[in-house]
């Protein structure tokens, strides 16, 4: 599998998201000329995304879907990069072959890891995901339920013992036109009231 790179800086934001019952992480980091958007969607009901990191290279518009290995609860977040991933990162950084000093992917990953924030407000996540929704288009089936239903109908009370699914509420991150701060407050209120949302396919959808 190649060389493992440790990203244990994720532990803080990952733990915070679990503790706040909002299993979604999104934050931006800048390094040199590169802009990197990190996204994780670890819905407890979906095995497909719980260990996946979506690394979006914002200048070149390239997405790197990566698997994170290790016991996350123990602070272990390891990833592997192949040569194509490294080349995409170099293009994002605008580094050309032959540039001195030579690019060191290990030092680059260490620098990103050291820059990961320990806390990210929900409103910040909402804003980032909304701004970069187009980058997630091909991954939407793994991130939200019924990804083609993007028009909000209204609220729906849940039976006792059920709670709203993150894969449904996450649509508010992407499609609401309210401010990210208002969306964050509304999501918390829905969970408090044990209420979910109903969505439909827009009438003008192709």
C-alpha atoms as a PDB file:
ATOM      1  CA  UNK A   1       0.000   0.000   0.000  1.00  0.00           C
ATOM      2  CA  UNK A   2       2.996   2.289   0.187  1.00  0.00           C
ATOM      3  CA  UNK A   3       3.948   4.761   2.880  1.00  0.00           C
ATOM      4  CA  UNK A   4       1.342   5.648   5.538  1.00  0.00           C
ATOM      5  CA  UNK A   5       0.932   9.306   6.443  1.00  0.00           C
ATOM      6  CA  UNK A   6      -0.408  10.173   9.869  1.00  0.00           C
ATOM      7  CA  UNK A   7      -3.197  12.761  10.095  1.00  0.00           C
ATOM      8  CA  UNK A   8      -3.900  12.526  13.815  1.00  0.00           C
ATOM      9  CA  UNK A   9      -4.729  16.235  13.816  1.00  0.00           C
ATOM     10  CA  UNK A  10      -8.220  15.113  12.787  1.00  0.00           C
ATOM     11  CA  UNK A  11      -8.910  13.753  16.253  1.00  0.00           C
ATOM     12  CA  UNK A  12     -10.116  17.067  17.692  1.00  0.00           C
ATOM     13  CA  UNK A  13     -12.654  17.996  15.010  1.00  0.00           C
ATOM     14  CA  UNK A  14     -13.728  14.374  14.557  1.00  0.00           C
ATOM     15  CA  UNK A  15     -14.365  13.951  18.292  1.00  0.00           C
ATOM     16  CA  UNK A  16     -16.144  17.302  18.469  1.00  0.00           C
ATOM     17  CA  UNK A  17     -18.482  16.347  15.619  1.00  0.00           C
ATOM     18  CA  UNK A  18     -19.352  13.044  17.280  1.00  0.00           C
ATOM     19  CA  UNK A  19     -19.904  14.704  20.643  1.00  0.00           C
ATOM     20  CA  UNK A  20     -22.228  17.311  19.118  1.00  0.00           C
ATOM     21  CA  UNK A  21     -24.148  14.653  17.146  1.00  0.00           C
ATOM     22  CA  UNK A  22     -23.258  16.231  13.795  1.00  0.00           C
ATOM     23  CA  UNK A  23     -21.105  13.595  12.043  1.00  0.00           C
ATOM     24  CA  UNK A  24     -19.892  15.910   9.305  1.00  0.00           C
ATOM     25  CA  UNK A  25     -16.556  17.721   9.149  1.00  0.00           C
ATOM     26  CA  UNK A  26     -15.508  20.455   6.726  1.00  0.00           C
ATOM     27  CA  UNK A  27     -12.645  22.912   6.978  1.00  0.00           C
ATOM     28  CA  UNK A  28     -10.166  24.725   4.716  1.00  0.00           C
ATOM     29  CA  UNK A  29      -6.399  24.893   4.924  1.00  0.00           C
ATOM     30  CA  UNK A  30      -3.974  26.948   2.858  1.00  0.00           C
ATOM     31  CA  UNK A  31      -0.440  25.800   2.099  1.00  0.00           C
ATOM     32  CA  UNK A  32       1.791  27.738  -0.246  1.00  0.00           C
ATOM     33  CA  UNK A  33      -0.279  28.466  -3.341  1.00  0.00           C
ATOM     34  CA  UNK A  34      -2.662  25.627  -2.609  1.00  0.00           C
ATOM     35  CA  UNK A  35      -6.117  25.715  -1.034  1.00  0.00           C
ATOM     36  CA  UNK A  36      -7.368  22.457   0.440  1.00  0.00           C
ATOM     37  CA  UNK A  37     -10.890  21.650   1.588  1.00  0.00           C
ATOM     38  CA  UNK A  38     -11.152  18.625   3.906  1.00  0.00           C
ATOM     39  CA  UNK A  39     -14.533  16.915   4.205  1.00  0.00           C
ATOM     40  CA  UNK A  40     -15.670  13.864   6.158  1.00  0.00           C
ATOM     41  CA  UNK A  41     -19.160  12.364   6.308  1.00  0.00           C
ATOM     42  CA  UNK A  42     -19.234   9.631   8.916  1.00  0.00           C
ATOM     43  CA  UNK A  43     -22.907   8.830   9.156  1.00  0.00           C
ATOM     44  CA  UNK A  44     -23.266   5.923  11.619  1.00  0.00           C
ATOM     45  CA  UNK A  45     -25.803   4.285   9.277  1.00  0.00           C
ATOM     46  CA  UNK A  46     -23.544   4.317   6.233  1.00  0.00           C
ATOM     47  CA  UNK A  47     -20.442   2.150   6.001  1.00  0.00           C
ATOM     48  CA  UNK A  48     -19.418   3.760   2.687  1.00  0.00           C
ATOM     49  CA  UNK A  49     -18.378   7.133   4.052  1.00  0.00           C
ATOM     50  CA  UNK A  50     -17.437   6.682   7.705  1.00  0.00           C
ATOM     51  CA  UNK A  51     -13.680   6.277   7.024  1.00  0.00           C
ATOM     52  CA  UNK A  52     -13.471   8.388   3.886  1.00  0.00           C
ATOM     53  CA  UNK A  53     -11.767  11.735   3.526  1.00  0.00           C
ATOM     54  CA  UNK A  54     -12.746  13.914   0.592  1.00  0.00           C
ATOM     55  CA  UNK A  55      -9.820  16.236  -0.109  1.00  0.00           C
ATOM     56  CA  UNK A  56     -10.845  18.920  -2.593  1.00  0.00           C
ATOM     57  CA  UNK A  57      -8.063  20.884  -4.279  1.00  0.00           C
ATOM     58  CA  UNK A  58      -9.806  24.189  -4.782  1.00  0.00           C
ATOM     59  CA  UNK A  59      -7.567  25.865  -7.376  1.00  0.00           C
ATOM     60  CA  UNK A  60      -7.402  22.906  -9.754  1.00  0.00           C
ATOM     61  CA  UNK A  61     -10.902  21.623  -8.872  1.00  0.00           C
ATOM     62  CA  UNK A  62      -9.618  18.090  -8.313  1.00  0.00           C
ATOM     63  CA  UNK A  63     -11.145  15.755  -5.724  1.00  0.00           C
ATOM     64  CA  UNK A  64      -9.132  13.092  -3.931  1.00  0.00           C
ATOM     65  CA  UNK A  65     -11.399  10.526  -2.221  1.00  0.00           C
ATOM     66  CA  UNK A  66      -9.111   8.885   0.337  1.00  0.00           C
ATOM     67  CA  UNK A  67      -9.598   6.175   2.937  1.00  0.00           C
ATOM     68  CA  UNK A  68      -8.528   6.882   6.497  1.00  0.00           C
ATOM     69  CA  UNK A  69      -7.185   3.849   8.325  1.00  0.00           C
ATOM     70  CA  UNK A  70      -6.621   3.198  12.013  1.00  0.00           C
ATOM     71  CA  UNK A  71      -8.603   3.397  15.242  1.00  0.00           C
ATOM     72  CA  UNK A  72      -9.992   6.920  15.103  1.00  0.00           C
ATOM     73  CA  UNK A  73     -11.170   6.832  18.713  1.00  0.00           C
ATOM     74  CA  UNK A  74      -7.542   6.245  19.660  1.00  0.00           C
ATOM     75  CA  UNK A  75      -6.437   9.206  17.547  1.00  0.00           C
ATOM     76  CA  UNK A  76      -5.106   7.145  14.645  1.00  0.00           C
ATOM     77  CA  UNK A  77      -5.926   8.593  11.201  1.00  0.00           C
ATOM     78  CA  UNK A  78      -3.632   7.135   8.533  1.00  0.00           C
ATOM     79  CA  UNK A  79      -3.879   7.653   4.790  1.00  0.00           C
ATOM     80  CA  UNK A  80      -1.993   6.440   1.735  1.00  0.00           C
ATOM     81  CA  UNK A  81      -1.294   8.459  -1.409  1.00  0.00           C
ATOM     82  CA  UNK A  82      -0.419   7.027  -4.802  1.00  0.00           C
ATOM     83  CA  UNK A  83       1.734   8.791  -7.394  1.00  0.00           C
ATOM     84  CA  UNK A  84      -1.338  10.279  -9.118  1.00  0.00           C
ATOM     85  CA  UNK A  85      -2.532  11.831  -5.864  1.00  0.00           C
ATOM     86  CA  UNK A  86       0.892  13.373  -5.282  1.00  0.00           C
ATOM     87  CA  UNK A  87       0.984  14.811  -8.809  1.00  0.00           C
ATOM     88  CA  UNK A  88      -2.445  16.414  -8.305  1.00  0.00           C
ATOM     89  CA  UNK A  89      -1.259  17.970  -5.056  1.00  0.00           C
ATOM     90  CA  UNK A  90       1.843  19.339  -6.793  1.00  0.00           C
ATOM     91  CA  UNK A  91      -0.341  20.894  -9.502  1.00  0.00           C
ATOM     92  CA  UNK A  92      -2.508  22.474  -6.829  1.00  0.00           C
ATOM     93  CA  UNK A  93       0.617  23.937  -5.235  1.00  0.00           C
ATOM     94  CA  UNK A  94       1.871  25.040  -8.687  1.00  0.00           C
ATOM     95  CA  UNK A  95       5.072  23.071  -8.216  1.00  0.00           C
ATOM     96  CA  UNK A  96       6.819  22.021 -11.409  1.00  0.00           C
ATOM     97  CA  UNK A  97       9.208  19.095 -11.780  1.00  0.00           C
ATOM     98  CA  UNK A  98      12.777  20.204 -11.284  1.00  0.00           C
ATOM     99  CA  UNK A  99      11.804  22.965  -8.879  1.00  0.00           C
ATOM    100  CA  UNK A 100      14.263  23.358  -6.013  1.00  0.00           C
ATOM    101  CA  UNK A 101      14.030  22.311  -3.303  1.00  0.00           C
ATOM    102  CA  UNK A 102      12.451  19.013  -4.308  1.00  0.00           C
ATOM    103  CA  UNK A 103       8.864  18.506  -3.143  1.00  0.00           C
ATOM    104  CA  UNK A 104       8.646  16.329  -0.013  1.00  0.00           C
ATOM    105  CA  UNK A 105       5.152  14.878   0.323  1.00  0.00           C
ATOM    106  CA  UNK A 106       5.851  13.698   3.869  1.00  0.00           C
ATOM    107  CA  UNK A 107       6.756  17.185   5.073  1.00  0.00           C
ATOM    108  CA  UNK A 108       3.748  18.590   3.227  1.00  0.00           C
ATOM    109  CA  UNK A 109       1.348  16.185   4.965  1.00  0.00           C
ATOM    110  CA  UNK A 110       2.983  16.932   8.325  1.00  0.00           C
ATOM    111  CA  UNK A 111       2.445  20.668   7.752  1.00  0.00           C
ATOM    112  CA  UNK A 112      -1.234  20.145   6.885  1.00  0.00           C
ATOM    113  CA  UNK A 113      -1.692  17.856   9.877  1.00  0.00           C
ATOM    114  CA  UNK A 114      -0.241  20.473  12.226  1.00  0.00           C
ATOM    115  CA  UNK A 115      -2.633  23.104  10.814  1.00  0.00           C
ATOM    116  CA  UNK A 116      -5.889  21.183  11.322  1.00  0.00           C
ATOM    117  CA  UNK A 117      -8.205  23.161  13.613  1.00  0.00           C
ATOM    118  CA  UNK A 118      -9.352  21.593  16.849  1.00  0.00           C
ATOM    119  CA  UNK A 119     -12.863  23.029  16.585  1.00  0.00           C
ATOM    120  CA  UNK A 120     -15.109  23.963  13.654  1.00  0.00           C
ATOM    121  CA  UNK A 121     -18.509  25.640  14.195  1.00  0.00           C
ATOM    122  CA  UNK A 122     -21.455  24.001  12.453  1.00  0.00           C
ATOM    123  CA  UNK A 123     -22.182  27.264  10.617  1.00  0.00           C
ATOM    124  CA  UNK A 124     -18.690  27.158   9.101  1.00  0.00           C
ATOM    125  CA  UNK A 125     -19.285  23.627   7.822  1.00  0.00           C
ATOM    126  CA  UNK A 126     -22.616  24.671   6.316  1.00  0.00           C
ATOM    127  CA  UNK A 127     -21.027  27.602   4.506  1.00  0.00           C
ATOM    128  CA  UNK A 128     -18.107  25.601   3.142  1.00  0.00           C
ATOM    129  CA  UNK A 129     -20.228  22.730   1.859  1.00  0.00           C
ATOM    130  CA  UNK A 130     -22.710  25.091   0.243  1.00  0.00           C
ATOM    131  CA  UNK A 131     -19.923  27.021  -1.506  1.00  0.00           C
ATOM    132  CA  UNK A 132     -18.386  23.795  -2.812  1.00  0.00           C
ATOM    133  CA  UNK A 133     -21.538  21.823  -3.580  1.00  0.00           C
ATOM    134  CA  UNK A 134     -20.598  21.355  -7.236  1.00  0.00           C
ATOM    135  CA  UNK A 135     -17.408  19.551  -6.195  1.00  0.00           C
ATOM    136  CA  UNK A 136     -19.506  16.931  -4.394  1.00  0.00           C
ATOM    137  CA  UNK A 137     -21.915  16.251  -7.252  1.00  0.00           C
ATOM    138  CA  UNK A 138     -20.731  12.751  -8.141  1.00  0.00           C
ATOM    139  CA  UNK A 139     -20.457  11.784  -4.470  1.00  0.00           C
ATOM    140  CA  UNK A 140     -23.932  12.956  -3.411  1.00  0.00           C
ATOM    141  CA  UNK A 141     -25.481   9.439  -3.479  1.00  0.00           C
ATOM    142  CA  UNK A 142     -23.035   8.466  -0.713  1.00  0.00           C
ATOM    143  CA  UNK A 143     -23.570  11.638   1.318  1.00  0.00           C
ATOM    144  CA  UNK A 144     -27.329  12.266   1.314  1.00  0.00           C
ATOM    145  CA  UNK A 145     -30.474  10.180   0.940  1.00  0.00           C
ATOM    146  CA  UNK A 146     -32.424  10.560  -2.333  1.00  0.00           C
ATOM    147  CA  UNK A 147     -29.854  12.976  -3.716  1.00  0.00           C
ATOM    148  CA  UNK A 148     -32.161  14.115  -6.543  1.00  0.00           C
ATOM    149  CA  UNK A 149     -34.756  15.413  -4.071  1.00  0.00           C
ATOM    150  CA  UNK A 150     -33.472  18.912  -3.418  1.00  0.00           C
ATOM    151  CA  UNK A 151     -36.666  20.938  -2.944  1.00  0.00           C
ATOM    152  CA  UNK A 152     -37.791  21.217   0.653  1.00  0.00           C
ATOM    153  CA  UNK A 153     -41.456  20.339   1.349  1.00  0.00           C
ATOM    154  CA  UNK A 154     -41.542  20.784   5.114  1.00  0.00           C
ATOM    155  CA  UNK A 155     -41.144  19.170   8.495  1.00  0.00           C
ATOM    156  CA  UNK A 156     -42.218  15.682   9.513  1.00  0.00           C
ATOM    157  CA  UNK A 157     -42.554  14.415  13.085  1.00  0.00           C
ATOM    158  CA  UNK A 158     -40.783  11.152  13.846  1.00  0.00           C
ATOM    159  CA  UNK A 159     -42.117   8.246  15.916  1.00  0.00           C
ATOM    160  CA  UNK A 160     -40.890   8.010  19.473  1.00  0.00           C
ATOM    161  CA  UNK A 161     -37.452   6.438  19.626  1.00  0.00           C
ATOM    162  CA  UNK A 162     -36.464   7.626  16.143  1.00  0.00           C
ATOM    163  CA  UNK A 163     -34.235  10.584  15.441  1.00  0.00           C
ATOM    164  CA  UNK A 164     -33.625  12.586  12.254  1.00  0.00           C
ATOM    165  CA  UNK A 165     -31.013  11.069   9.959  1.00  0.00           C
ATOM    166  CA  UNK A 166     -27.883  13.044   9.250  1.00  0.00           C
ATOM    167  CA  UNK A 167     -28.114  12.018   5.589  1.00  0.00           C
ATOM    168  CA  UNK A 168     -31.435  13.889   5.386  1.00  0.00           C
ATOM    169  CA  UNK A 169     -30.554  16.933   7.495  1.00  0.00           C
ATOM    170  CA  UNK A 170     -27.301  17.292   5.561  1.00  0.00           C
ATOM    171  CA  UNK A 171     -29.349  18.542   2.618  1.00  0.00           C
ATOM    172  CA  UNK A 172     -29.864  21.757   4.556  1.00  0.00           C
ATOM    173  CA  UNK A 173     -26.102  22.276   4.478  1.00  0.00           C
ATOM    174  CA  UNK A 174     -26.196  22.099   0.687  1.00  0.00           C
ATOM    175  CA  UNK A 175     -29.529  23.512  -0.470  1.00  0.00           C
ATOM    176  CA  UNK A 176     -30.877  25.946   2.107  1.00  0.00           C
ATOM    177  CA  UNK A 177     -30.794  29.616   1.127  1.00  0.00           C
ATOM    178  CA  UNK A 178     -30.807  30.814   4.737  1.00  0.00           C
ATOM    179  CA  UNK A 179     -27.599  32.022   6.343  1.00  0.00           C
ATOM    180  CA  UNK A 180     -25.228  29.289   7.567  1.00  0.00           C
ATOM    181  CA  UNK A 181     -25.752  30.555  11.117  1.00  0.00           C
ATOM    182  CA  UNK A 182     -29.533  30.211  10.817  1.00  0.00           C
ATOM    183  CA  UNK A 183     -29.183  26.752   9.288  1.00  0.00           C
ATOM    184  CA  UNK A 184     -26.977  25.632  12.177  1.00  0.00           C
ATOM    185  CA  UNK A 185     -29.552  26.837  14.719  1.00  0.00           C
ATOM    186  CA  UNK A 186     -32.395  25.174  12.783  1.00  0.00           C
ATOM    187  CA  UNK A 187     -30.616  21.810  12.581  1.00  0.00           C
ATOM    188  CA  UNK A 188     -30.067  21.794  16.333  1.00  0.00           C
ATOM    189  CA  UNK A 189     -33.735  22.693  16.861  1.00  0.00           C
ATOM    190  CA  UNK A 190     -34.912  19.864  14.585  1.00  0.00           C
ATOM    191  CA  UNK A 191     -32.874  17.378  16.571  1.00  0.00           C
ATOM    192  CA  UNK A 192     -34.180  18.765  19.857  1.00  0.00           C
ATOM    193  CA  UNK A 193     -37.769  18.402  18.644  1.00  0.00           C
ATOM    194  CA  UNK A 194     -37.120  14.993  17.036  1.00  0.00           C
ATOM    195  CA  UNK A 195     -38.295  16.259  13.658  1.00  0.00           C
ATOM    196  CA  UNK A 196     -36.977  15.470  10.178  1.00  0.00           C
ATOM    197  CA  UNK A 197     -37.559  17.072   6.784  1.00  0.00           C
ATOM    198  CA  UNK A 198     -39.321  15.983   3.611  1.00  0.00           C
ATOM    199  CA  UNK A 199     -37.826  16.729   0.200  1.00  0.00           C
ATOM    200  CA  UNK A 200     -38.994  16.245  -3.392  1.00  0.00           C
ATOM    201  CA  UNK A 201     -37.546  16.373  -6.882  1.00  0.00           C
ATOM    202  CA  UNK A 202     -37.889  19.944  -8.219  1.00  0.00           C
ATOM    203  CA  UNK A 203     -40.587  20.359 -10.850  1.00  0.00           C
ATOM    204  CA  UNK A 204     -38.094  21.884 -13.267  1.00  0.00           C
ATOM    205  CA  UNK A 205     -35.519  19.114 -12.826  1.00  0.00           C
ATOM    206  CA  UNK A 206     -34.258  17.686 -16.102  1.00  0.00           C
END
